[in-house]
Amino acid sequence: FTVLVLAPGGPAQAGLLNTAQQMRQQGARVLLAAPAGVEGCDLPLPD
C-alpha cells in the first residue's frame, strides 16, 4: 500500500516528517502532504 502522511505545520510536524522518512527508508511508497517548501513534500498543503 501507499502511505499518505498528513504533516501540516505545528508542533507535531517534526514527528510526522520523521515517520515519513523512516517509512521511505524501509521501502514504503510515501506521499507526504505538507506545506510547500517542506523537504520531501509530494502534495502541498495551503498556508
All heavy atoms as atom14 arrays in JSON, in Angstrom:
{
  "sequence": "FTVLVLAPGGPAQAGLLNTAQQMRQQGARVLLAAPAGVEGCDLPLPD",
  "atom14_mask": [
    [1, 1, 1, 1, 1, 1, 1, 1, 1, 1, 1, 0, 0, 0],
    [1, 1, 1, 1, 1, 1, 1, 0, 0, 0, 0, 0, 0, 0],
    [1, 1, 1, 1, 1, 1, 1, 0, 0, 0, 0, 0, 0, 0],
    [1, 1, 1, 1, 1, 1, 1, 1, 0, 0, 0, 0, 0, 0],
    [1, 1, 1, 1, 1, 1, 1, 0, 0, 0, 0, 0, 0, 0],
    [1, 1, 1, 1, 1, 1, 1, 1, 0, 0, 0, 0, 0, 0],
    [1, 1, 1, 1, 1, 0, 0, 0, 0, 0, 0, 0, 0, 0],
    [1, 1, 1, 1, 1, 1, 1, 0, 0, 0, 0, 0, 0, 0],
    [1, 1, 1, 1, 0, 0, 0, 0, 0, 0, 0, 0, 0, 0],
    [1, 1, 1, 1, 0, 0, 0, 0, 0, 0, 0, 0, 0, 0],
    [1, 1, 1, 1, 1, 1, 1, 0, 0, 0, 0, 0, 0, 0],
    [1, 1, 1, 1, 1, 0, 0, 0, 0, 0, 0, 0, 0, 0],
    [1, 1, 1, 1, 1, 1, 1, 1, 1, 0, 0, 0, 0, 0],
    [1, 1, 1, 1, 1, 0, 0, 0, 0, 0, 0, 0, 0, 0],
    [1, 1, 1, 1, 0, 0, 0, 0, 0, 0, 0, 0, 0, 0],
    [1, 1, 1, 1, 1, 1, 1, 1, 0, 0, 0, 0, 0, 0],
    [1, 1, 1, 1, 1, 1, 1, 1, 0, 0, 0, 0, 0, 0],
    [1, 1, 1, 1, 1, 1, 1, 1, 0, 0, 0, 0, 0, 0],
    [1, 1, 1, 1, 1, 1, 1, 0, 0, 0, 0, 0, 0, 0],
    [1, 1, 1, 1, 1, 0, 0, 0, 0, 0, 0, 0, 0, 0],
    [1, 1, 1, 1, 1, 1, 1, 1, 1, 0, 0, 0, 0, 0],
    [1, 1, 1, 1, 1, 1, 1, 1, 1, 0, 0, 0, 0, 0],
    [1, 1, 1, 1, 1, 1, 1, 1, 0, 0, 0, 0, 0, 0],
    [1, 1, 1, 1, 1, 1, 1, 1, 1, 1, 1, 0, 0, 0],
    [1, 1, 1, 1, 1, 1, 1, 1, 1, 0, 0, 0, 0, 0],
    [1, 1, 1, 1, 1, 1, 1, 1, 1, 0, 0, 0, 0, 0],
    [1, 1, 1, 1, 0, 0, 0, 0, 0, 0, 0, 0, 0, 0],
    [1, 1, 1, 1, 1, 0, 0, 0, 0, 0, 0, 0, 0, 0],
    [1, 1, 1, 1, 1, 1, 1, 1, 1, 1, 1, 0, 0, 0],
    [1, 1, 1, 1, 1, 1, 1, 0, 0, 0, 0, 0, 0, 0],
    [1, 1, 1, 1, 1, 1, 1, 1, 0, 0, 0, 0, 0, 0],
    [1, 1, 1, 1, 1, 1, 1, 1, 0, 0, 0, 0, 0, 0],
    [1, 1, 1, 1, 1, 0, 0, 0, 0, 0, 0, 0, 0, 0],
    [1, 1, 1, 1, 1, 0, 0, 0, 0, 0, 0, 0, 0, 0],
    [1, 1, 1, 1, 1, 1, 1, 0, 0, 0, 0, 0, 0, 0],
    [1, 1, 1, 1, 1, 0, 0, 0, 0, 0, 0, 0, 0, 0],
    [1, 1, 1, 1, 0, 0, 0, 0, 0, 0, 0, 0, 0, 0],
    [1, 1, 1, 1, 1, 1, 1, 0, 0, 0, 0, 0, 0, 0],
    [1, 1, 1, 1, 1, 1, 1, 1, 1, 0, 0, 0, 0, 0],
    [1, 1, 1, 1, 0, 0, 0, 0, 0, 0, 0, 0, 0, 0],
    [1, 1, 1, 1, 1, 1, 0, 0, 0, 0, 0, 0, 0, 0],
    [1, 1, 1, 1, 1, 1, 1, 1, 0, 0, 0, 0, 0, 0],
    [1, 1, 1, 1, 1, 1, 1, 1, 0, 0, 0, 0, 0, 0],
    [1, 1, 1, 1, 1, 1, 1, 0, 0, 0, 0, 0, 0, 0],
    [1, 1, 1, 1, 1, 1, 1, 1, 0, 0, 0, 0, 0, 0],
    [1, 1, 1, 1, 1, 1, 1, 0, 0, 0, 0, 0, 0, 0],
    [1, 1, 1, 1, 1, 1, 1, 1, 0, 0, 0, 0, 0, 0]
  ],
  "atom14_positions": [
    [[0.84, -1.2, 0.0], [0.0, 0.0, 0.0], [0.87, 1.24, 0.0], [1.98, 1.25, 0.52], [-0.9, 0.04, 1.23], [-1.99, -0.99, 1.22], [-1.83, -2.19, 1.88], [-3.16, -0.77, 0.54], [-2.81, -3.14, 1.88], [-4.17, -1.72, 0.52], [-3.99, -2.91, 1.19], [0.0, 0.0, 0.0], [0.0, 0.0, 0.0], [0.0, 0.0, 0.0]],
    [[0.32, 2.31, -0.56], [0.97, 3.61, -0.47], [0.55, 4.25, 0.84], [-0.6, 4.17, 1.23], [0.56, 4.49, -1.65], [0.99, 3.87, -2.86], [1.19, 5.87, -1.56], [0.0, 0.0, 0.0], [0.0, 0.0, 0.0], [0.0, 0.0, 0.0], [0.0, 0.0, 0.0], [0.0, 0.0, 0.0], [0.0, 0.0, 0.0], [0.0, 0.0, 0.0]],
    [[1.48, 4.88, 1.52], [1.21, 5.54, 2.79], [1.05, 7.04, 2.55], [1.9, 7.65, 1.92], [2.37, 5.31, 3.78], [2.13, 6.05, 5.09], [2.59, 3.83, 4.01], [0.0, 0.0, 0.0], [0.0, 0.0, 0.0], [0.0, 0.0, 0.0], [0.0, 0.0, 0.0], [0.0, 0.0, 0.0], [0.0, 0.0, 0.0], [0.0, 0.0, 0.0]],
    [[-0.05, 7.6, 3.02], [-0.27, 9.03, 2.94], [-0.04, 9.61, 4.33], [-0.69, 9.23, 5.29], [-1.69, 9.35, 2.48], [-2.1, 10.82, 2.51], [-1.23, 11.64, 1.56], [-3.58, 10.95, 2.15], [0.0, 0.0, 0.0], [0.0, 0.0, 0.0], [0.0, 0.0, 0.0], [0.0, 0.0, 0.0], [0.0, 0.0, 0.0], [0.0, 0.0, 0.0]],
    [[0.92, 10.54, 4.42], [1.23, 11.19, 5.69], [0.79, 12.64, 5.58], [1.28, 13.38, 4.72], [2.74, 11.11, 6.02], [3.04, 11.87, 7.31], [3.18, 9.66, 6.13], [0.0, 0.0, 0.0], [0.0, 0.0, 0.0], [0.0, 0.0, 0.0], [0.0, 0.0, 0.0], [0.0, 0.0, 0.0], [0.0, 0.0, 0.0], [0.0, 0.0, 0.0]],
    [[-0.14, 13.04, 6.44], [-0.58, 14.43, 6.51], [0.26, 15.11, 7.58], [0.18, 14.77, 8.75], [-2.06, 14.52, 6.88], [-3.04, 13.84, 5.92], [-4.45, 13.89, 6.48], [-2.99, 14.48, 4.55], [0.0, 0.0, 0.0], [0.0, 0.0, 0.0], [0.0, 0.0, 0.0], [0.0, 0.0, 0.0], [0.0, 0.0, 0.0], [0.0, 0.0, 0.0]],
    [[1.08, 16.06, 7.17], [2.0, 16.73, 8.1], [1.86, 18.25, 7.99], [2.75, 18.94, 7.52], [3.44, 16.3, 7.81], [0.0, 0.0, 0.0], [0.0, 0.0, 0.0], [0.0, 0.0, 0.0], [0.0, 0.0, 0.0], [0.0, 0.0, 0.0], [0.0, 0.0, 0.0], [0.0, 0.0, 0.0], [0.0, 0.0, 0.0], [0.0, 0.0, 0.0]],
    [[0.71, 18.77, 8.45], [0.56, 20.23, 8.44], [1.53, 20.87, 9.42], [2.13, 20.19, 10.25], [-0.9, 20.44, 8.87], [-1.23, 19.24, 9.68], [-0.42, 18.11, 9.08], [0.0, 0.0, 0.0], [0.0, 0.0, 0.0], [0.0, 0.0, 0.0], [0.0, 0.0, 0.0], [0.0, 0.0, 0.0], [0.0, 0.0, 0.0], [0.0, 0.0, 0.0]],
    [[1.67, 22.18, 9.35], [2.56, 22.87, 10.27], [2.08, 22.72, 11.7], [0.94, 22.37, 11.97], [0.0, 0.0, 0.0], [0.0, 0.0, 0.0], [0.0, 0.0, 0.0], [0.0, 0.0, 0.0], [0.0, 0.0, 0.0], [0.0, 0.0, 0.0], [0.0, 0.0, 0.0], [0.0, 0.0, 0.0], [0.0, 0.0, 0.0], [0.0, 0.0, 0.0]],
    [[2.98, 22.96, 12.63], [2.64, 22.87, 14.04], [3.6, 21.97, 14.77], [4.53, 21.4, 14.18], [0.0, 0.0, 0.0], [0.0, 0.0, 0.0], [0.0, 0.0, 0.0], [0.0, 0.0, 0.0], [0.0, 0.0, 0.0], [0.0, 0.0, 0.0], [0.0, 0.0, 0.0], [0.0, 0.0, 0.0], [0.0, 0.0, 0.0], [0.0, 0.0, 0.0]],
    [[3.38, 21.82, 16.07], [4.34, 21.08, 16.88], [4.48, 19.6, 16.53], [5.52, 19.0, 16.77], [3.82, 21.24, 18.31], [2.45, 21.8, 18.21], [2.3, 22.39, 16.85], [0.0, 0.0, 0.0], [0.0, 0.0, 0.0], [0.0, 0.0, 0.0], [0.0, 0.0, 0.0], [0.0, 0.0, 0.0], [0.0, 0.0, 0.0], [0.0, 0.0, 0.0]],
    [[3.46, 18.99, 15.95], [3.52, 17.56, 15.62], [4.22, 17.29, 14.29], [4.55, 16.15, 13.98], [2.11, 16.97, 15.58], [0.0, 0.0, 0.0], [0.0, 0.0, 0.0], [0.0, 0.0, 0.0], [0.0, 0.0, 0.0], [0.0, 0.0, 0.0], [0.0, 0.0, 0.0], [0.0, 0.0, 0.0], [0.0, 0.0, 0.0], [0.0, 0.0, 0.0]],
    [[4.47, 18.33, 13.5], [5.01, 18.12, 12.16], [6.35, 17.41, 12.16], [6.57, 16.51, 11.35], [5.13, 19.45, 11.41], [5.55, 19.23, 9.96], [5.81, 20.53, 9.24], [6.65, 21.31, 9.66], [5.07, 20.75, 8.15], [0.0, 0.0, 0.0], [0.0, 0.0, 0.0], [0.0, 0.0, 0.0], [0.0, 0.0, 0.0], [0.0, 0.0, 0.0]],
    [[7.26, 17.77, 13.05], [8.6, 17.16, 13.06], [8.5, 15.65, 13.22], [9.18, 14.89, 12.51], [9.45, 17.76, 14.16], [0.0, 0.0, 0.0], [0.0, 0.0, 0.0], [0.0, 0.0, 0.0], [0.0, 0.0, 0.0], [0.0, 0.0, 0.0], [0.0, 0.0, 0.0], [0.0, 0.0, 0.0], [0.0, 0.0, 0.0], [0.0, 0.0, 0.0]],
    [[7.65, 15.17, 14.12], [7.48, 13.74, 14.31], [6.88, 13.06, 13.1], [7.27, 11.94, 12.74], [0.0, 0.0, 0.0], [0.0, 0.0, 0.0], [0.0, 0.0, 0.0], [0.0, 0.0, 0.0], [0.0, 0.0, 0.0], [0.0, 0.0, 0.0], [0.0, 0.0, 0.0], [0.0, 0.0, 0.0], [0.0, 0.0, 0.0], [0.0, 0.0, 0.0]],
    [[5.94, 13.72, 12.44], [5.32, 13.15, 11.24], [6.32, 13.07, 10.1], [6.35, 12.08, 9.36], [4.1, 13.99, 10.84], [2.94, 13.92, 11.82], [1.95, 15.05, 11.57], [2.24, 12.57, 11.73], [0.0, 0.0, 0.0], [0.0, 0.0, 0.0], [0.0, 0.0, 0.0], [0.0, 0.0, 0.0], [0.0, 0.0, 0.0], [0.0, 0.0, 0.0]],
    [[7.15, 14.1, 9.94], [8.17, 14.08, 8.89], [9.19, 12.97, 9.17], [9.64, 12.29, 8.24], [8.87, 15.44, 8.8], [8.0, 16.61, 8.37], [8.8, 17.92, 8.42], [7.41, 16.38, 6.98], [0.0, 0.0, 0.0], [0.0, 0.0, 0.0], [0.0, 0.0, 0.0], [0.0, 0.0, 0.0], [0.0, 0.0, 0.0], [0.0, 0.0, 0.0]],
    [[9.54, 12.78, 10.42], [10.46, 11.72, 10.79], [9.86, 10.35, 10.46], [10.53, 9.47, 9.92], [10.81, 11.81, 12.27], [11.87, 10.81, 12.68], [12.88, 10.67, 11.99], [11.63, 10.12, 13.77], [0.0, 0.0, 0.0], [0.0, 0.0, 0.0], [0.0, 0.0, 0.0], [0.0, 0.0, 0.0], [0.0, 0.0, 0.0], [0.0, 0.0, 0.0]],
    [[8.59, 10.18, 10.78], [7.91, 8.92, 10.48], [7.88, 8.66, 8.98], [8.14, 7.55, 8.52], [6.47, 8.93, 11.04], [6.55, 9.06, 12.47], [5.71, 7.67, 10.67], [0.0, 0.0, 0.0], [0.0, 0.0, 0.0], [0.0, 0.0, 0.0], [0.0, 0.0, 0.0], [0.0, 0.0, 0.0], [0.0, 0.0, 0.0], [0.0, 0.0, 0.0]],
    [[7.57, 9.69, 8.19], [7.55, 9.54, 6.74], [8.92, 9.13, 6.21], [9.04, 8.24, 5.36], [7.1, 10.85, 6.08], [0.0, 0.0, 0.0], [0.0, 0.0, 0.0], [0.0, 0.0, 0.0], [0.0, 0.0, 0.0], [0.0, 0.0, 0.0], [0.0, 0.0, 0.0], [0.0, 0.0, 0.0], [0.0, 0.0, 0.0], [0.0, 0.0, 0.0]],
    [[9.96, 9.76, 6.74], [11.32, 9.42, 6.3], [11.68, 7.99, 6.66], [12.26, 7.26, 5.86], [12.34, 10.41, 6.92], [13.75, 10.17, 6.5], [13.96, 10.32, 5.0], [13.23, 11.03, 4.31], [14.94, 9.62, 4.47], [0.0, 0.0, 0.0], [0.0, 0.0, 0.0], [0.0, 0.0, 0.0], [0.0, 0.0, 0.0], [0.0, 0.0, 0.0]],
    [[11.33, 7.55, 7.87], [11.61, 6.18, 8.28], [10.88, 5.18, 7.38], [11.45, 4.15, 7.01], [11.21, 5.96, 9.74], [12.13, 6.63, 10.72], [11.64, 6.47, 12.16], [10.59, 5.9, 12.43], [12.42, 6.98, 13.1], [0.0, 0.0, 0.0], [0.0, 0.0, 0.0], [0.0, 0.0, 0.0], [0.0, 0.0, 0.0], [0.0, 0.0, 0.0]],
    [[9.65, 5.48, 7.04], [8.89, 4.58, 6.17], [9.53, 4.5, 4.78], [9.61, 3.43, 4.19], [7.44, 5.04, 6.07], [6.67, 4.84, 7.34], [4.98, 5.45, 7.14], [4.19, 4.64, 8.5], [0.0, 0.0, 0.0], [0.0, 0.0, 0.0], [0.0, 0.0, 0.0], [0.0, 0.0, 0.0], [0.0, 0.0, 0.0], [0.0, 0.0, 0.0]],
    [[9.97, 5.63, 4.28], [10.66, 5.64, 2.97], [11.93, 4.82, 3.04], [12.24, 4.07, 2.11], [10.96, 7.07, 2.54], [9.76, 7.8, 2.0], [10.1, 9.2, 1.54], [8.96, 9.8, 0.86], [8.65, 11.08, 0.89], [9.42, 11.93, 1.57], [7.6, 11.53, 0.25], [0.0, 0.0, 0.0], [0.0, 0.0, 0.0], [0.0, 0.0, 0.0]],
    [[12.69, 4.94, 4.11], [13.93, 4.18, 4.26], [13.69, 2.69, 4.33], [14.54, 1.89, 3.97], [14.69, 4.66, 5.5], [15.29, 6.02, 5.35], [15.89, 6.56, 6.64], [15.66, 6.04, 7.72], [16.65, 7.64, 6.53], [0.0, 0.0, 0.0], [0.0, 0.0, 0.0], [0.0, 0.0, 0.0], [0.0, 0.0, 0.0], [0.0, 0.0, 0.0]],
    [[12.51, 2.31, 4.79], [12.15, 0.89, 4.87], [11.51, 0.39, 3.57], [11.09, -0.76, 3.5], [11.22, 0.66, 6.05], [11.89, 0.89, 7.38], [10.94, 0.74, 8.56], [9.81, 0.3, 8.42], [11.4, 1.11, 9.73], [0.0, 0.0, 0.0], [0.0, 0.0, 0.0], [0.0, 0.0, 0.0], [0.0, 0.0, 0.0], [0.0, 0.0, 0.0]],
    [[11.43, 1.26, 2.56], [10.95, 0.83, 1.26], [9.5, 1.14, 0.96], [9.0, 0.77, -0.1], [0.0, 0.0, 0.0], [0.0, 0.0, 0.0], [0.0, 0.0, 0.0], [0.0, 0.0, 0.0], [0.0, 0.0, 0.0], [0.0, 0.0, 0.0], [0.0, 0.0, 0.0], [0.0, 0.0, 0.0], [0.0, 0.0, 0.0], [0.0, 0.0, 0.0]],
    [[8.81, 1.82, 1.86], [7.41, 2.15, 1.61], [7.31, 3.29, 0.6], [8.19, 4.15, 0.54], [6.71, 2.55, 2.9], [0.0, 0.0, 0.0], [0.0, 0.0, 0.0], [0.0, 0.0, 0.0], [0.0, 0.0, 0.0], [0.0, 0.0, 0.0], [0.0, 0.0, 0.0], [0.0, 0.0, 0.0], [0.0, 0.0, 0.0], [0.0, 0.0, 0.0]],
    [[6.25, 3.28, -0.18], [5.95, 4.41, -1.05], [5.15, 5.38, -0.2], [4.04, 5.07, 0.24], [5.14, 3.98, -2.26], [4.83, 5.16, -3.15], [4.34, 4.73, -4.51], [4.21, 5.92, -5.32], [3.06, 6.33, -5.84], [1.96, 5.63, -5.67], [3.0, 7.43, -6.56], [0.0, 0.0, 0.0], [0.0, 0.0, 0.0], [0.0, 0.0, 0.0]],
    [[5.7, 6.56, 0.03], [5.08, 7.54, 0.92], [4.71, 8.78, 0.11], [5.53, 9.32, -0.64], [6.04, 7.95, 2.06], [5.44, 9.05, 2.92], [6.39, 6.73, 2.91], [0.0, 0.0, 0.0], [0.0, 0.0, 0.0], [0.0, 0.0, 0.0], [0.0, 0.0, 0.0], [0.0, 0.0, 0.0], [0.0, 0.0, 0.0], [0.0, 0.0, 0.0]],
    [[3.48, 9.23, 0.26], [3.05, 10.52, -0.26], [2.95, 11.45, 0.94], [2.19, 11.19, 1.87], [1.7, 10.42, -0.96], [1.66, 9.62, -2.25], [0.23, 9.53, -2.78], [2.57, 10.25, -3.29], [0.0, 0.0, 0.0], [0.0, 0.0, 0.0], [0.0, 0.0, 0.0], [0.0, 0.0, 0.0], [0.0, 0.0, 0.0], [0.0, 0.0, 0.0]],
    [[3.73, 12.5, 0.91], [3.78, 13.44, 2.03], [3.0, 14.69, 1.67], [3.33, 15.39, 0.72], [5.23, 13.8, 2.37], [5.42, 14.83, 3.47], [4.84, 14.34, 4.79], [6.89, 15.19, 3.61], [0.0, 0.0, 0.0], [0.0, 0.0, 0.0], [0.0, 0.0, 0.0], [0.0, 0.0, 0.0], [0.0, 0.0, 0.0], [0.0, 0.0, 0.0]],
    [[1.94, 14.95, 2.43], [1.17, 16.18, 2.3], [1.63, 17.13, 3.38], [1.47, 16.86, 4.58], [-0.32, 15.89, 2.42], [0.0, 0.0, 0.0], [0.0, 0.0, 0.0], [0.0, 0.0, 0.0], [0.0, 0.0, 0.0], [0.0, 0.0, 0.0], [0.0, 0.0, 0.0], [0.0, 0.0, 0.0], [0.0, 0.0, 0.0], [0.0, 0.0, 0.0]],
    [[2.25, 18.23, 2.97], [2.83, 19.19, 3.91], [2.83, 20.57, 3.26], [2.61, 20.69, 2.05], [4.25, 18.76, 4.28], [0.0, 0.0, 0.0], [0.0, 0.0, 0.0], [0.0, 0.0, 0.0], [0.0, 0.0, 0.0], [0.0, 0.0, 0.0], [0.0, 0.0, 0.0], [0.0, 0.0, 0.0], [0.0, 0.0, 0.0], [0.0, 0.0, 0.0]],
    [[3.09, 21.6, 4.04], [3.18, 22.93, 3.45], [4.27, 22.97, 2.36], [5.28, 22.28, 2.46], [3.54, 23.84, 4.63], [3.02, 23.11, 5.83], [3.21, 21.65, 5.5], [0.0, 0.0, 0.0], [0.0, 0.0, 0.0], [0.0, 0.0, 0.0], [0.0, 0.0, 0.0], [0.0, 0.0, 0.0], [0.0, 0.0, 0.0], [0.0, 0.0, 0.0]],
    [[4.02, 23.78, 1.35], [5.01, 23.93, 0.27], [6.35, 24.33, 0.86], [6.42, 25.09, 1.82], [4.52, 24.99, -0.73], [0.0, 0.0, 0.0], [0.0, 0.0, 0.0], [0.0, 0.0, 0.0], [0.0, 0.0, 0.0], [0.0, 0.0, 0.0], [0.0, 0.0, 0.0], [0.0, 0.0, 0.0], [0.0, 0.0, 0.0], [0.0, 0.0, 0.0]],
    [[7.4, 23.77, 0.32], [8.74, 24.08, 0.79], [9.29, 23.07, 1.79], [10.48, 23.07, 2.08], [0.0, 0.0, 0.0], [0.0, 0.0, 0.0], [0.0, 0.0, 0.0], [0.0, 0.0, 0.0], [0.0, 0.0, 0.0], [0.0, 0.0, 0.0], [0.0, 0.0, 0.0], [0.0, 0.0, 0.0], [0.0, 0.0, 0.0], [0.0, 0.0, 0.0]],
    [[8.43, 22.2, 2.32], [8.9, 21.16, 3.24], [9.59, 20.09, 2.41], [9.05, 19.6, 1.42], [7.73, 20.56, 4.05], [8.18, 19.34, 4.83], [7.15, 21.6, 5.0], [0.0, 0.0, 0.0], [0.0, 0.0, 0.0], [0.0, 0.0, 0.0], [0.0, 0.0, 0.0], [0.0, 0.0, 0.0], [0.0, 0.0, 0.0], [0.0, 0.0, 0.0]],
    [[10.8, 19.72, 2.82], [11.58, 18.72, 2.07], [10.8, 17.4, 1.97], [10.25, 16.91, 2.94], [12.9, 18.47, 2.77], [13.81, 17.53, 1.99], [15.15, 17.32, 2.66], [15.53, 18.13, 3.51], [15.81, 16.33, 2.3], [0.0, 0.0, 0.0], [0.0, 0.0, 0.0], [0.0, 0.0, 0.0], [0.0, 0.0, 0.0], [0.0, 0.0, 0.0]],
    [[10.72, 16.85, 0.76], [10.04, 15.59, 0.52], [8.55, 15.72, 0.29], [7.86, 14.72, 0.12], [0.0, 0.0, 0.0], [0.0, 0.0, 0.0], [0.0, 0.0, 0.0], [0.0, 0.0, 0.0], [0.0, 0.0, 0.0], [0.0, 0.0, 0.0], [0.0, 0.0, 0.0], [0.0, 0.0, 0.0], [0.0, 0.0, 0.0], [0.0, 0.0, 0.0]],
    [[8.04, 16.95, 0.27], [6.6, 17.17, 0.09], [6.17, 16.75, -1.31], [6.74, 17.16, -2.31], [6.28, 18.64, 0.32], [4.55, 19.04, 0.02], [0.0, 0.0, 0.0], [0.0, 0.0, 0.0], [0.0, 0.0, 0.0], [0.0, 0.0, 0.0], [0.0, 0.0, 0.0], [0.0, 0.0, 0.0], [0.0, 0.0, 0.0], [0.0, 0.0, 0.0]],
    [[5.13, 15.9, -1.37], [4.57, 15.47, -2.64], [3.26, 16.18, -2.95], [2.91, 16.38, -4.11], [4.29, 13.95, -2.6], [5.54, 13.15, -2.34], [6.44, 13.17, -3.2], [5.62, 12.52, -1.26], [0.0, 0.0, 0.0], [0.0, 0.0, 0.0], [0.0, 0.0, 0.0], [0.0, 0.0, 0.0], [0.0, 0.0, 0.0], [0.0, 0.0, 0.0]],
    [[2.51, 16.5, -1.9], [1.2, 17.12, -2.04], [1.18, 18.37, -1.17], [1.02, 18.29, 0.04], [0.09, 16.16, -1.58], [0.07, 14.79, -2.27], [-0.83, 13.82, -1.51], [-0.39, 14.95, -3.7], [0.0, 0.0, 0.0], [0.0, 0.0, 0.0], [0.0, 0.0, 0.0], [0.0, 0.0, 0.0], [0.0, 0.0, 0.0], [0.0, 0.0, 0.0]],
    [[1.37, 19.56, -1.78], [1.45, 20.77, -0.97], [0.11, 21.13, -0.33], [-0.93, 21.06, -0.97], [1.9, 21.84, -1.94], [1.8, 21.27, -3.3], [1.61, 19.79, -3.19], [0.0, 0.0, 0.0], [0.0, 0.0, 0.0], [0.0, 0.0, 0.0], [0.0, 0.0, 0.0], [0.0, 0.0, 0.0], [0.0, 0.0, 0.0], [0.0, 0.0, 0.0]],
    [[0.18, 21.48, 0.95], [-0.99, 21.97, 1.68], [-0.95, 23.5, 1.67], [0.13, 24.1, 1.72], [-0.96, 21.47, 3.13], [-1.06, 19.96, 3.32], [-0.86, 19.6, 4.79], [-2.4, 19.45, 2.83], [0.0, 0.0, 0.0], [0.0, 0.0, 0.0], [0.0, 0.0, 0.0], [0.0, 0.0, 0.0], [0.0, 0.0, 0.0], [0.0, 0.0, 0.0]],
    [[-2.11, 24.14, 1.64], [-2.12, 25.6, 1.61], [-1.72, 26.21, 2.96], [-1.9, 25.59, 4.01], [-3.58, 25.93, 1.29], [-4.35, 24.78, 1.84], [-3.46, 23.58, 1.65], [0.0, 0.0, 0.0], [0.0, 0.0, 0.0], [0.0, 0.0, 0.0], [0.0, 0.0, 0.0], [0.0, 0.0, 0.0], [0.0, 0.0, 0.0], [0.0, 0.0, 0.0]],
    [[-1.18, 27.4, 2.89], [-0.88, 28.15, 4.11], [-2.19, 28.77, 4.58], [-2.79, 29.57, 3.87], [0.16, 29.23, 3.82], [0.49, 30.06, 5.05], [0.06, 29.7, 6.16], [1.19, 31.07, 4.89], [0.0, 0.0, 0.0], [0.0, 0.0, 0.0], [0.0, 0.0, 0.0], [0.0, 0.0, 0.0], [0.0, 0.0, 0.0], [0.0, 0.0, 0.0]]
  ]
}
